[in-house]
């Protein structure tokens, strides 16, 4: 599970970064966030959720990271998703910008979580 969690971190960070930049590009060019973008952010959400679930499985199995901030960033990512769900009506006013910025924020949190792991 540790190997999967380490490898999947790159999938989660890359997808959130790419879809986040896609959202900002759509917002800057004043283009609508179509179905393809919505599928993209759903895939990014799923990738991050799988990553957090793998971490929770490891935690449940007794594995603890040496740096407690690693767990903090995972919790912050899930709190960010919860806030996005709560404020989804407001985010729908400018979905490309809102979800793009949120996914870039989550990408940054994922990179910080990875940087707090002792190899």
C-alpha atoms as a PDB file:
ATOM      1  CA  UNK A   1       0.000   0.000   0.000  1.00  0.00           C
ATOM      2  CA  UNK A   2       2.905   2.333   0.758  1.00  0.00           C
ATOM      3  CA  UNK A   3       4.227   1.935  -2.792  1.00  0.00           C
ATOM      4  CA  UNK A   4       0.778   2.644  -4.262  1.00  0.00           C
ATOM      5  CA  UNK A   5       0.360   5.711  -2.036  1.00  0.00           C
ATOM      6  CA  UNK A   6       3.777   7.037  -3.084  1.00  0.00           C
ATOM      7  CA  UNK A   7       3.174   6.454  -6.781  1.00  0.00           C
ATOM      8  CA  UNK A   8      -0.436   7.633  -6.842  1.00  0.00           C
ATOM      9  CA  UNK A   9       0.609  10.926  -5.246  1.00  0.00           C
ATOM     10  CA  UNK A  10       2.089  11.914  -8.592  1.00  0.00           C
ATOM     11  CA  UNK A  11      -1.128  11.011 -10.389  1.00  0.00           C
ATOM     12  CA  UNK A  12      -3.156  13.139  -7.962  1.00  0.00           C
ATOM     13  CA  UNK A  13      -0.776  16.125  -8.089  1.00  0.00           C
ATOM     14  CA  UNK A  14      -0.462  15.999 -11.881  1.00  0.00           C
ATOM     15  CA  UNK A  15      -4.197  15.717 -12.581  1.00  0.00           C
ATOM     16  CA  UNK A  16      -5.119  18.504 -10.157  1.00  0.00           C
ATOM     17  CA  UNK A  17      -2.407  20.725 -11.628  1.00  0.00           C
ATOM     18  CA  UNK A  18      -3.350  20.114 -15.248  1.00  0.00           C
ATOM     19  CA  UNK A  19      -7.087  20.482 -14.727  1.00  0.00           C
ATOM     20  CA  UNK A  20      -6.503  23.535 -12.521  1.00  0.00           C
ATOM     21  CA  UNK A  21      -4.460  25.204 -15.265  1.00  0.00           C
ATOM     22  CA  UNK A  22      -7.109  24.197 -17.796  1.00  0.00           C
ATOM     23  CA  UNK A  23      -9.732  25.947 -15.663  1.00  0.00           C
ATOM     24  CA  UNK A  24      -7.652  29.101 -15.398  1.00  0.00           C
ATOM     25  CA  UNK A  25      -7.084  29.046 -19.150  1.00  0.00           C
ATOM     26  CA  UNK A  26     -10.818  28.793 -19.752  1.00  0.00           C
ATOM     27  CA  UNK A  27     -11.481  31.635 -17.314  1.00  0.00           C
ATOM     28  CA  UNK A  28      -8.830  33.904 -18.830  1.00  0.00           C
ATOM     29  CA  UNK A  29     -10.154  33.366 -22.349  1.00  0.00           C
ATOM     30  CA  UNK A  30     -13.728  33.766 -21.075  1.00  0.00           C
ATOM     31  CA  UNK A  31     -14.765  30.374 -22.428  1.00  0.00           C
ATOM     32  CA  UNK A  32     -17.430  28.234 -20.822  1.00  0.00           C
ATOM     33  CA  UNK A  33     -16.525  25.242 -18.716  1.00  0.00           C
ATOM     34  CA  UNK A  34     -18.043  22.513 -20.841  1.00  0.00           C
ATOM     35  CA  UNK A  35     -18.622  18.845 -20.260  1.00  0.00           C
ATOM     36  CA  UNK A  36     -14.992  17.948 -20.941  1.00  0.00           C
ATOM     37  CA  UNK A  37     -13.773  20.282 -18.181  1.00  0.00           C
ATOM     38  CA  UNK A  38     -16.359  18.929 -15.753  1.00  0.00           C
ATOM     39  CA  UNK A  39     -15.217  15.388 -16.494  1.00  0.00           C
ATOM     40  CA  UNK A  40     -11.643  16.562 -15.961  1.00  0.00           C
ATOM     41  CA  UNK A  41     -12.298  17.951 -12.518  1.00  0.00           C
ATOM     42  CA  UNK A  42     -14.294  14.851 -11.606  1.00  0.00           C
ATOM     43  CA  UNK A  43     -11.259  12.743 -12.549  1.00  0.00           C
ATOM     44  CA  UNK A  44      -8.998  15.046 -10.502  1.00  0.00           C
ATOM     45  CA  UNK A  45     -11.360  14.752  -7.513  1.00  0.00           C
ATOM     46  CA  UNK A  46     -11.373  10.976  -7.875  1.00  0.00           C
ATOM     47  CA  UNK A  47      -7.575  10.805  -8.082  1.00  0.00           C
ATOM     48  CA  UNK A  48      -7.181  12.831  -4.896  1.00  0.00           C
ATOM     49  CA  UNK A  49      -9.907  10.884  -3.101  1.00  0.00           C
ATOM     50  CA  UNK A  50      -8.167   7.605  -3.976  1.00  0.00           C
ATOM     51  CA  UNK A  51      -4.910   9.048  -2.649  1.00  0.00           C
ATOM     52  CA  UNK A  52      -6.481  10.099   0.650  1.00  0.00           C
ATOM     53  CA  UNK A  53      -8.269   6.739   0.947  1.00  0.00           C
ATOM     54  CA  UNK A  54      -4.932   4.932   0.516  1.00  0.00           C
ATOM     55  CA  UNK A  55      -3.486   7.089   3.285  1.00  0.00           C
ATOM     56  CA  UNK A  56      -6.430   6.283   5.541  1.00  0.00           C
ATOM     57  CA  UNK A  57      -6.004   2.564   4.881  1.00  0.00           C
ATOM     58  CA  UNK A  58      -2.346   2.845   5.849  1.00  0.00           C
ATOM     59  CA  UNK A  59      -3.293   4.824   8.962  1.00  0.00           C
ATOM     60  CA  UNK A  60      -5.850   2.167   9.893  1.00  0.00           C
ATOM     61  CA  UNK A  61      -3.163  -0.478   9.475  1.00  0.00           C
ATOM     62  CA  UNK A  62      -0.953   1.267  12.014  1.00  0.00           C
ATOM     63  CA  UNK A  63       1.464   3.027   9.645  1.00  0.00           C
ATOM     64  CA  UNK A  64       2.180   6.599  10.707  1.00  0.00           C
ATOM     65  CA  UNK A  65       4.281   9.159   8.839  1.00  0.00           C
ATOM     66  CA  UNK A  66       7.224  10.557  10.775  1.00  0.00           C
ATOM     67  CA  UNK A  67       6.049  14.116  10.135  1.00  0.00           C
ATOM     68  CA  UNK A  68       2.519  14.854  11.361  1.00  0.00           C
ATOM     69  CA  UNK A  69       2.147  17.667   8.825  1.00  0.00           C
ATOM     70  CA  UNK A  70       1.789  15.012   6.114  1.00  0.00           C
ATOM     71  CA  UNK A  71      -1.534  13.983   7.669  1.00  0.00           C
ATOM     72  CA  UNK A  72      -2.489  17.634   8.184  1.00  0.00           C
ATOM     73  CA  UNK A  73      -2.247  18.300   4.454  1.00  0.00           C
ATOM     74  CA  UNK A  74      -4.415  15.275   3.657  1.00  0.00           C
ATOM     75  CA  UNK A  75      -7.071  16.476   6.095  1.00  0.00           C
ATOM     76  CA  UNK A  76      -6.863  19.992   4.638  1.00  0.00           C
ATOM     77  CA  UNK A  77      -7.393  18.615   1.132  1.00  0.00           C
ATOM     78  CA  UNK A  78     -10.550  16.798   2.183  1.00  0.00           C
ATOM     79  CA  UNK A  79     -11.769  19.919   4.056  1.00  0.00           C
ATOM     80  CA  UNK A  80     -11.219  21.897   0.841  1.00  0.00           C
ATOM     81  CA  UNK A  81     -13.392  19.407  -1.049  1.00  0.00           C
ATOM     82  CA  UNK A  82     -16.051  19.696   1.653  1.00  0.00           C
ATOM     83  CA  UNK A  83     -16.055  23.495   1.380  1.00  0.00           C
ATOM     84  CA  UNK A  84     -16.258  23.242  -2.406  1.00  0.00           C
ATOM     85  CA  UNK A  85     -19.311  21.024  -2.017  1.00  0.00           C
ATOM     86  CA  UNK A  86     -20.949  23.412   0.443  1.00  0.00           C
ATOM     87  CA  UNK A  87     -20.276  26.423  -1.806  1.00  0.00           C
ATOM     88  CA  UNK A  88     -20.963  24.659  -5.109  1.00  0.00           C
ATOM     89  CA  UNK A  89     -23.828  27.027  -5.992  1.00  0.00           C
ATOM     90  CA  UNK A  90     -21.516  30.043  -5.687  1.00  0.00           C
ATOM     91  CA  UNK A  91     -18.752  28.244  -7.555  1.00  0.00           C
ATOM     92  CA  UNK A  92     -21.109  27.574 -10.460  1.00  0.00           C
ATOM     93  CA  UNK A  93     -21.189  31.305 -11.249  1.00  0.00           C
ATOM     94  CA  UNK A  94     -17.665  30.978 -12.672  1.00  0.00           C
ATOM     95  CA  UNK A  95     -16.918  27.256 -12.570  1.00  0.00           C
ATOM     96  CA  UNK A  96     -13.716  27.288 -14.606  1.00  0.00           C
ATOM     97  CA  UNK A  97     -12.124  29.917 -12.383  1.00  0.00           C
ATOM     98  CA  UNK A  98     -13.477  28.549  -9.107  1.00  0.00           C
ATOM     99  CA  UNK A  99     -12.636  24.913  -9.683  1.00  0.00           C
ATOM    100  CA  UNK A 100      -9.377  25.777 -11.440  1.00  0.00           C
ATOM    101  CA  UNK A 101      -8.111  27.782  -8.466  1.00  0.00           C
ATOM    102  CA  UNK A 102      -9.349  25.181  -6.004  1.00  0.00           C
ATOM    103  CA  UNK A 103      -7.583  22.364  -7.861  1.00  0.00           C
ATOM    104  CA  UNK A 104      -4.341  24.346  -8.017  1.00  0.00           C
ATOM    105  CA  UNK A 105      -4.627  24.916  -4.262  1.00  0.00           C
ATOM    106  CA  UNK A 106      -5.137  21.167  -3.749  1.00  0.00           C
ATOM    107  CA  UNK A 107      -2.144  20.486  -6.009  1.00  0.00           C
ATOM    108  CA  UNK A 108      -0.034  22.731  -3.782  1.00  0.00           C
ATOM    109  CA  UNK A 109      -1.254  20.943  -0.676  1.00  0.00           C
ATOM    110  CA  UNK A 110      -0.395  17.609  -2.283  1.00  0.00           C
ATOM    111  CA  UNK A 111       3.104  18.816  -3.093  1.00  0.00           C
ATOM    112  CA  UNK A 112       3.548  20.024   0.492  1.00  0.00           C
ATOM    113  CA  UNK A 113       2.311  16.682   1.812  1.00  0.00           C
ATOM    114  CA  UNK A 114       4.845  14.876  -0.343  1.00  0.00           C
ATOM    115  CA  UNK A 115       7.639  17.220   0.754  1.00  0.00           C
ATOM    116  CA  UNK A 116       6.950  16.318   4.392  1.00  0.00           C
ATOM    117  CA  UNK A 117       7.641  12.614   3.909  1.00  0.00           C
ATOM    118  CA  UNK A 118      10.940  11.235   5.095  1.00  0.00           C
ATOM    119  CA  UNK A 119      12.287   8.774   2.546  1.00  0.00           C
END
